[in-house]
Amino acid sequence: MGCSSDVPKAASAPTSAAPAYDTFEKIGDGIGCLSLGNSEPETTDIAANKYCTLEHPTEESGGVTVYQYSDVAHRDKSLKAGLVYEQSYLVLSDTWAIAGDVRDLRKIRATLGTGDLRAPAADPSPSAGDEGVGPGDEGEDATVDGAKKVPLGKSATYHGERVQVGKVYCNAVDSSSKNATDEFDSCRLSELADDSDEYHAPKGQIYYLVAFRWKNISKAPVEPSDFGTLVTTDGTEYAADSDLTDSLTQAARGNDDFSTSSDMNPGTTGRILQVYSIPKTTKVASVHWGLDDYSPDDPAFALAVR
């Protein structure tokens, strides 16, 4: 009995401390990256980051991003901002973390044998399937005039991009309020404001504001595809106010290095705020997305909104 009780202790000793993953090379080798490409730091809280292309990524994610931070304070600040925008992380130490699809991160944690997984509550469980809607999906009443219907809460993928309705800090763009902490699926406001200007909706109308979380899930830089008209429950369509949409998107939290008119690197995320001027009593149904340059009147998706 005495000998047998010593065996577990001796066997467990080698695994008591995980290897130190403290360089891009060690992390890349540990993960098994097919390539580890240099990228410009996304924010000032990040010292450096590189994109790791995976051999067998989850769906179309392509890979993960490895981040280096100068200290734990900058790491936590960066992670806090990322989690707000539905990013998931595997924290390796005070100064190293990996961001990507939560299912890829679970596999990486099992491979490395270390890491603290931090993910938004809405991320899919290990056994969950694809929560999105792709161009090839079929189903009863799945289209609206050729555009595939995407239920609220689901995501859509198109040309290496993924979008999903996000949360809006309505009071942050309401010039009559100073409280910017409440989040909603959409905003109906009579006034809008950015850093320098204030806007008033035309008489009898309101501004309808809805945010979309966007991510490049491909292996190459891509420019975000355009959004189209807002569709009401009776089929009426309203075009977006392009000036307000561009202004509020540029000023949105976390969008310091995000552009809707430039190629964004793999793994890049951003928030696109669409603004429509509609009659006050309008009941909204969906927003079109996935407009092709050669057929701008044939959007790929109708994203449900409310």
Foldseek 3Di string as FASTA:
>chain_A
DVVVVVVVVVVCVVVPDFDQPDDPVSLCVLLVFPDWAFDDDLDPQFPGKTWGAHPDDDDLLRGKMKTFGPFQVSVVVVVVLQQLLFWKWWDADSTIIIITQQLSVVVSCVSRVDTDIDTHPLHDDNPDDQQADELPDDDVVQDDVQAGETEAPHWYDDPQKIKHWHWAQQQVFAPVHDDRPDIDQKDWAQWGDFPPDIDGAPPQKTKIKTKMKMARSHQAWDAFWDWAWWAFPVGDTFGWPVVVQQRCQCRDPSCVPPDNGDTDHRGDMGMGMTITIGGPPTHTFFIFTQADPVHNPNGHHTYGGD
